[in-house]
Amino acid sequence: MSDKGRQQGLGRRDRLRARSSFLAAQRRGRRISGRNLVLYALSRPEQERKERARIGLTVSKKIGNAVVRNRVKRWLRESYRRMASSAPGGTDLVVIARSATAHSTYQRTAEELSELLVRVAMP
């Protein structure tokens, strides 16, 4: 297996993993709503602002069965991976998929995530 394949996913440093991080972003972060997605953005402390943004995904059972939920998560991870450089550094992002996302396409999901990231970057 070549090293190229390993570089394509989101690394541990790029993801929110602890429940407390998700909850903090949802409680204290800025909420930006889209048609199919809701994005919460929380700036990290000053000493961590130069680090890359971290993302966490929430796709509940309201979206659909496991196949549908996993497809939506793959779409969101891949979309974010391609546009991670546009996310403001030192920010924790939580993306929550709404039930309409199950009936969307990858292209529409990627466009909406891109729009939400642009709105986060605006003050």
N, C-alpha and C. Protein backbone atom coordinates (compact mmCIF):
# COMPACT_ATOMS: atom_id res chain seq x y z
N MET A 1 0.83 -1.18 0.00
CA MET A 1 0.00 0.00 0.00
C MET A 1 0.88 1.24 0.00
N SER A 2 0.61 2.15 -0.88
CA SER A 2 1.43 3.35 -0.97
C SER A 2 0.99 4.38 0.07
N ASP A 3 1.85 5.34 0.34
CA ASP A 3 1.53 6.39 1.29
C ASP A 3 0.52 7.38 0.75
N LYS A 4 0.35 7.41 -0.57
CA LYS A 4 -0.61 8.33 -1.16
C LYS A 4 -2.02 8.11 -0.63
N GLY A 5 -2.45 6.87 -0.56
CA GLY A 5 -3.81 6.55 -0.12
C GLY A 5 -4.09 6.96 1.31
N ARG A 6 -3.09 6.97 2.13
CA ARG A 6 -3.29 7.32 3.54
C ARG A 6 -3.49 8.81 3.76
N GLN A 7 -3.02 9.63 2.84
CA GLN A 7 -3.08 11.07 3.00
C GLN A 7 -4.45 11.65 2.67
N GLN A 8 -5.35 10.86 2.13
CA GLN A 8 -6.59 11.42 1.64
C GLN A 8 -7.68 11.59 2.68
N GLY A 9 -7.69 10.88 3.76
CA GLY A 9 -8.74 11.02 4.75
C GLY A 9 -8.50 12.20 5.67
N LEU A 10 -9.40 12.37 6.60
CA LEU A 10 -9.23 13.39 7.63
C LEU A 10 -8.45 12.77 8.77
N GLY A 11 -7.37 13.38 9.15
CA GLY A 11 -6.55 12.87 10.23
C GLY A 11 -7.16 13.15 11.60
N ARG A 12 -6.57 12.59 12.61
CA ARG A 12 -7.07 12.78 13.98
C ARG A 12 -7.07 14.25 14.38
N ARG A 13 -6.10 14.99 13.92
CA ARG A 13 -6.02 16.41 14.27
C ARG A 13 -7.10 17.24 13.59
N ASP A 14 -7.70 16.70 12.55
CA ASP A 14 -8.71 17.43 11.79
C ASP A 14 -10.14 17.14 12.26
N ARG A 15 -10.29 16.23 13.23
CA ARG A 15 -11.63 15.82 13.65
C ARG A 15 -11.88 16.13 15.12
N LEU A 16 -13.12 16.42 15.44
CA LEU A 16 -13.54 16.50 16.84
C LEU A 16 -13.87 15.07 17.26
N ARG A 17 -13.38 14.66 18.40
CA ARG A 17 -13.60 13.29 18.82
C ARG A 17 -14.33 13.19 20.17
N ALA A 18 -14.13 14.17 21.02
CA ALA A 18 -14.73 14.09 22.35
C ALA A 18 -16.14 14.69 22.35
N ARG A 19 -17.03 14.06 23.07
CA ARG A 19 -18.40 14.55 23.18
C ARG A 19 -18.42 15.97 23.72
N SER A 20 -17.53 16.26 24.65
CA SER A 20 -17.48 17.60 25.25
C SER A 20 -17.16 18.67 24.21
N SER A 21 -16.35 18.33 23.21
CA SER A 21 -16.03 19.28 22.14
C SER A 21 -17.26 19.57 21.28
N PHE A 22 -18.03 18.53 20.99
CA PHE A 22 -19.27 18.71 20.23
C PHE A 22 -20.24 19.60 21.01
N LEU A 23 -20.42 19.28 22.27
CA LEU A 23 -21.37 20.03 23.09
C LEU A 23 -20.95 21.48 23.27
N ALA A 24 -19.65 21.72 23.45
CA ALA A 24 -19.17 23.09 23.60
C ALA A 24 -19.45 23.90 22.35
N ALA A 25 -19.20 23.32 21.19
CA ALA A 25 -19.46 24.03 19.93
C ALA A 25 -20.94 24.32 19.76
N GLN A 26 -21.78 23.38 20.16
CA GLN A 26 -23.22 23.57 20.01
C GLN A 26 -23.77 24.57 21.02
N ARG A 27 -23.22 24.62 22.20
CA ARG A 27 -23.73 25.53 23.24
C ARG A 27 -23.22 26.94 23.08
N ARG A 28 -21.93 27.08 22.77
CA ARG A 28 -21.32 28.41 22.76
C ARG A 28 -20.96 28.91 21.38
N GLY A 29 -21.08 28.07 20.38
CA GLY A 29 -20.66 28.44 19.02
C GLY A 29 -21.71 29.22 18.27
N ARG A 30 -21.28 29.77 17.17
CA ARG A 30 -22.16 30.51 16.28
C ARG A 30 -22.91 29.52 15.40
N ARG A 31 -24.21 29.68 15.29
CA ARG A 31 -25.03 28.76 14.51
C ARG A 31 -25.33 29.37 13.14
N ILE A 32 -25.07 28.56 12.12
CA ILE A 32 -25.35 28.99 10.75
C ILE A 32 -26.18 27.89 10.10
N SER A 33 -27.38 28.24 9.67
CA SER A 33 -28.29 27.25 9.11
C SER A 33 -28.33 27.32 7.60
N GLY A 34 -28.44 26.15 7.02
CA GLY A 34 -28.65 26.01 5.59
C GLY A 34 -29.91 25.20 5.38
N ARG A 35 -30.18 24.87 4.16
CA ARG A 35 -31.39 24.10 3.86
C ARG A 35 -31.29 22.67 4.40
N ASN A 36 -30.14 22.02 4.19
CA ASN A 36 -29.97 20.62 4.60
C ASN A 36 -29.00 20.44 5.75
N LEU A 37 -28.23 21.48 6.08
CA LEU A 37 -27.19 21.36 7.09
C LEU A 37 -27.27 22.51 8.09
N VAL A 38 -26.82 22.24 9.30
CA VAL A 38 -26.64 23.26 10.32
C VAL A 38 -25.18 23.20 10.73
N LEU A 39 -24.53 24.34 10.79
CA LEU A 39 -23.11 24.41 11.14
C LEU A 39 -22.95 25.25 12.39
N TYR A 40 -22.24 24.69 13.37
CA TYR A 40 -21.86 25.43 14.57
C TYR A 40 -20.37 25.67 14.50
N ALA A 41 -19.95 26.89 14.78
CA ALA A 41 -18.53 27.25 14.72
C ALA A 41 -18.14 27.91 16.03
N LEU A 42 -17.10 27.38 16.66
CA LEU A 42 -16.61 27.91 17.92
C LEU A 42 -15.11 28.14 17.81
N SER A 43 -14.68 29.38 18.06
CA SER A 43 -13.25 29.69 18.04
C SER A 43 -12.58 29.09 19.26
N ARG A 44 -11.41 28.52 19.05
CA ARG A 44 -10.65 27.93 20.16
C ARG A 44 -9.86 29.03 20.85
N PRO A 45 -9.26 28.73 22.00
CA PRO A 45 -8.45 29.73 22.71
C PRO A 45 -7.34 30.31 21.84
N GLU A 46 -6.89 31.49 22.21
CA GLU A 46 -5.90 32.26 21.43
C GLU A 46 -4.68 31.43 21.03
N GLN A 47 -4.15 30.63 21.95
CA GLN A 47 -2.93 29.86 21.67
C GLN A 47 -3.16 28.76 20.63
N GLU A 48 -4.40 28.41 20.35
CA GLU A 48 -4.70 27.35 19.38
C GLU A 48 -5.24 27.90 18.06
N ARG A 49 -5.27 29.20 17.88
CA ARG A 49 -5.88 29.81 16.69
C ARG A 49 -5.10 29.57 15.41
N LYS A 50 -3.81 29.25 15.51
CA LYS A 50 -3.01 29.03 14.30
C LYS A 50 -3.14 27.60 13.79
N GLU A 51 -3.77 26.74 14.57
CA GLU A 51 -3.97 25.36 14.14
C GLU A 51 -5.11 25.29 13.12
N ARG A 52 -5.18 24.16 12.43
CA ARG A 52 -6.25 23.97 11.45
C ARG A 52 -7.59 23.80 12.16
N ALA A 53 -8.64 24.07 11.41
CA ALA A 53 -9.99 23.86 11.93
C ALA A 53 -10.23 22.37 12.12
N ARG A 54 -11.05 22.04 13.12
CA ARG A 54 -11.44 20.65 13.35
C ARG A 54 -12.94 20.54 13.06
N ILE A 55 -13.35 19.38 12.55
CA ILE A 55 -14.75 19.18 12.20
C ILE A 55 -15.30 17.94 12.88
N GLY A 56 -16.56 18.03 13.26
CA GLY A 56 -17.30 16.90 13.81
C GLY A 56 -18.62 16.79 13.06
N LEU A 57 -19.07 15.59 12.79
CA LEU A 57 -20.29 15.36 12.04
C LEU A 57 -21.33 14.67 12.91
N THR A 58 -22.57 15.11 12.78
CA THR A 58 -23.68 14.47 13.47
C THR A 58 -24.73 14.13 12.43
N VAL A 59 -24.97 12.84 12.27
CA VAL A 59 -25.99 12.36 11.33
C VAL A 59 -26.84 11.37 12.13
N SER A 60 -28.01 11.82 12.56
CA SER A 60 -28.83 11.01 13.45
C SER A 60 -29.67 9.98 12.69
N LYS A 61 -30.35 9.16 13.43
CA LYS A 61 -31.20 8.13 12.84
C LYS A 61 -32.41 8.71 12.14
N LYS A 62 -32.70 9.98 12.39
CA LYS A 62 -33.80 10.64 11.69
C LYS A 62 -33.51 10.74 10.19
N ILE A 63 -32.25 10.69 9.83
CA ILE A 63 -31.84 10.81 8.43
C ILE A 63 -32.24 9.58 7.64
N GLY A 64 -32.10 8.42 8.24
CA GLY A 64 -32.42 7.18 7.54
C GLY A 64 -31.70 6.01 8.17
N ASN A 65 -31.68 4.91 7.45
CA ASN A 65 -31.01 3.72 7.97
C ASN A 65 -29.49 3.88 7.89
N ALA A 66 -28.76 2.88 8.31
CA ALA A 66 -27.30 2.97 8.40
C ALA A 66 -26.66 3.25 7.04
N VAL A 67 -27.21 2.68 5.99
CA VAL A 67 -26.65 2.90 4.67
C VAL A 67 -26.75 4.38 4.28
N VAL A 68 -27.88 4.97 4.51
CA VAL A 68 -28.10 6.38 4.16
C VAL A 68 -27.23 7.27 5.04
N ARG A 69 -27.21 7.01 6.34
CA ARG A 69 -26.40 7.82 7.25
C ARG A 69 -24.92 7.76 6.89
N ASN A 70 -24.42 6.58 6.59
CA ASN A 70 -23.01 6.45 6.23
C ASN A 70 -22.70 7.16 4.91
N ARG A 71 -23.61 7.11 3.96
CA ARG A 71 -23.42 7.81 2.70
C ARG A 71 -23.34 9.33 2.94
N VAL A 72 -24.23 9.85 3.76
CA VAL A 72 -24.23 11.29 4.07
C VAL A 72 -22.93 11.66 4.78
N LYS A 73 -22.46 10.84 5.70
CA LYS A 73 -21.19 11.12 6.38
C LYS A 73 -20.02 11.10 5.42
N ARG A 74 -20.00 10.15 4.49
CA ARG A 74 -18.93 10.11 3.48
C ARG A 74 -18.95 11.37 2.63
N TRP A 75 -20.15 11.80 2.22
CA TRP A 75 -20.27 13.01 1.42
C TRP A 75 -19.71 14.20 2.19
N LEU A 76 -20.08 14.34 3.46
CA LEU A 76 -19.64 15.48 4.25
C LEU A 76 -18.13 15.45 4.50
N ARG A 77 -17.60 14.28 4.82
CA ARG A 77 -16.15 14.18 5.05
C ARG A 77 -15.37 14.53 3.79
N GLU A 78 -15.79 13.98 2.66
CA GLU A 78 -15.07 14.24 1.42
C GLU A 78 -15.20 15.70 1.01
N SER A 79 -16.38 16.27 1.15
CA SER A 79 -16.58 17.69 0.82
C SER A 79 -15.67 18.55 1.68
N TYR A 80 -15.66 18.29 2.97
CA TYR A 80 -14.82 19.09 3.87
C TYR A 80 -13.34 18.90 3.56
N ARG A 81 -12.94 17.67 3.28
CA ARG A 81 -11.53 17.40 2.99
C ARG A 81 -11.06 18.24 1.80
N ARG A 82 -11.90 18.38 0.79
CA ARG A 82 -11.54 19.14 -0.40
C ARG A 82 -11.49 20.64 -0.16
N MET A 83 -12.22 21.13 0.85
CA MET A 83 -12.28 22.57 1.07
C MET A 83 -11.80 22.97 2.46
N ALA A 84 -11.07 22.11 3.12
CA ALA A 84 -10.63 22.40 4.50
C ALA A 84 -9.78 23.66 4.59
N SER A 85 -9.08 23.97 3.53
CA SER A 85 -8.22 25.17 3.56
C SER A 85 -9.04 26.45 3.65
N SER A 86 -10.32 26.41 3.27
CA SER A 86 -11.15 27.60 3.34
C SER A 86 -11.79 27.79 4.71
N ALA A 87 -11.68 26.79 5.58
CA ALA A 87 -12.23 26.91 6.93
C ALA A 87 -11.31 27.78 7.78
N PRO A 88 -11.89 28.66 8.59
CA PRO A 88 -11.05 29.52 9.43
C PRO A 88 -10.25 28.70 10.44
N GLY A 89 -8.97 28.98 10.54
CA GLY A 89 -8.09 28.25 11.45
C GLY A 89 -8.48 28.46 12.91
N GLY A 90 -8.17 27.47 13.73
CA GLY A 90 -8.45 27.57 15.16
C GLY A 90 -9.92 27.53 15.49
N THR A 91 -10.71 26.87 14.66
CA THR A 91 -12.15 26.82 14.86
C THR A 91 -12.60 25.37 14.97
N ASP A 92 -13.52 25.12 15.88
CA ASP A 92 -14.17 23.82 15.97
C ASP A 92 -15.50 23.93 15.24
N LEU A 93 -15.73 23.04 14.29
CA LEU A 93 -16.93 23.05 13.48
C LEU A 93 -17.73 21.78 13.74
N VAL A 94 -19.02 21.93 13.95
CA VAL A 94 -19.91 20.78 14.08
C VAL A 94 -20.97 20.91 13.00
N VAL A 95 -21.08 19.90 12.15
CA VAL A 95 -22.06 19.89 11.07
C VAL A 95 -23.14 18.88 11.44
N ILE A 96 -24.38 19.36 11.43
CA ILE A 96 -25.52 18.49 11.72
C ILE A 96 -26.35 18.39 10.45
N ALA A 97 -26.56 17.15 10.02
CA ALA A 97 -27.35 16.91 8.81
C ALA A 97 -28.83 16.88 9.17
N ARG A 98 -29.62 17.60 8.40
CA ARG A 98 -31.08 17.56 8.55
C ARG A 98 -31.63 16.43 7.70
N SER A 99 -32.87 16.05 7.96
CA SER A 99 -33.43 14.88 7.28
C SER A 99 -33.49 15.04 5.76
N ALA A 100 -33.59 16.26 5.26
CA ALA A 100 -33.63 16.48 3.80
C ALA A 100 -32.32 16.08 3.13
N THR A 101 -31.24 15.99 3.88
CA THR A 101 -29.94 15.63 3.31
C THR A 101 -29.99 14.23 2.69
N ALA A 102 -30.81 13.36 3.23
CA ALA A 102 -30.90 11.99 2.72
C ALA A 102 -31.39 11.97 1.28
N HIS A 103 -32.15 12.99 0.87
CA HIS A 103 -32.71 13.03 -0.48
C HIS A 103 -31.91 13.97 -1.39
N SER A 104 -30.80 14.45 -0.90
CA SER A 104 -29.97 15.36 -1.66
C SER A 104 -28.95 14.57 -2.47
N THR A 105 -28.03 15.29 -3.11
CA THR A 105 -26.94 14.66 -3.86
C THR A 105 -25.62 15.11 -3.26
N TYR A 106 -24.56 14.43 -3.66
CA TYR A 106 -23.24 14.83 -3.18
C TYR A 106 -22.93 16.26 -3.59
N GLN A 107 -23.24 16.61 -4.84
CA GLN A 107 -22.93 17.94 -5.35
C GLN A 107 -23.64 19.03 -4.54
N ARG A 108 -24.93 18.85 -4.28
CA ARG A 108 -25.67 19.84 -3.50
C ARG A 108 -25.17 19.93 -2.07
N THR A 109 -24.82 18.79 -1.50
CA THR A 109 -24.30 18.77 -0.14
C THR A 109 -22.97 19.50 -0.07
N ALA A 110 -22.10 19.25 -1.03
CA ALA A 110 -20.80 19.91 -1.07
C ALA A 110 -20.96 21.42 -1.26
N GLU A 111 -21.86 21.84 -2.14
CA GLU A 111 -22.10 23.27 -2.36
C GLU A 111 -22.61 23.95 -1.10
N GLU A 112 -23.53 23.29 -0.42
CA GLU A 112 -24.09 23.89 0.80
C GLU A 112 -23.04 23.99 1.89
N LEU A 113 -22.22 22.97 2.06
CA LEU A 113 -21.15 23.03 3.06
C LEU A 113 -20.18 24.14 2.72
N SER A 114 -19.87 24.31 1.45
CA SER A 114 -18.98 25.38 1.02
C SER A 114 -19.57 26.75 1.36
N GLU A 115 -20.85 26.93 1.10
CA GLU A 115 -21.52 28.20 1.43
C GLU A 115 -21.49 28.47 2.93
N LEU A 116 -21.72 27.44 3.72
CA LEU A 116 -21.70 27.62 5.17
C LEU A 116 -20.31 27.99 5.67
N LEU A 117 -19.28 27.38 5.08
CA LEU A 117 -17.90 27.72 5.48
C LEU A 117 -17.55 29.16 5.11
N VAL A 118 -18.06 29.62 3.98
CA VAL A 118 -17.84 31.02 3.59
C VAL A 118 -18.53 31.95 4.59
N ARG A 119 -19.73 31.60 5.01
CA ARG A 119 -20.46 32.42 5.98
C ARG A 119 -19.78 32.42 7.35
N VAL A 120 -19.13 31.32 7.71
CA VAL A 120 -18.40 31.27 8.99
C VAL A 120 -17.24 32.24 8.96
N ALA A 121 -16.56 32.31 7.82
CA ALA A 121 -15.38 33.17 7.70
C ALA A 121 -15.72 34.65 7.77
N MET A 122 -16.98 35.00 7.46
CA MET A 122 -17.39 36.40 7.53
C MET A 122 -17.68 36.77 8.99
N PRO A 123 -17.25 37.96 9.42
CA PRO A 123 -17.49 38.36 10.82
C PRO A 123 -18.94 38.68 11.11
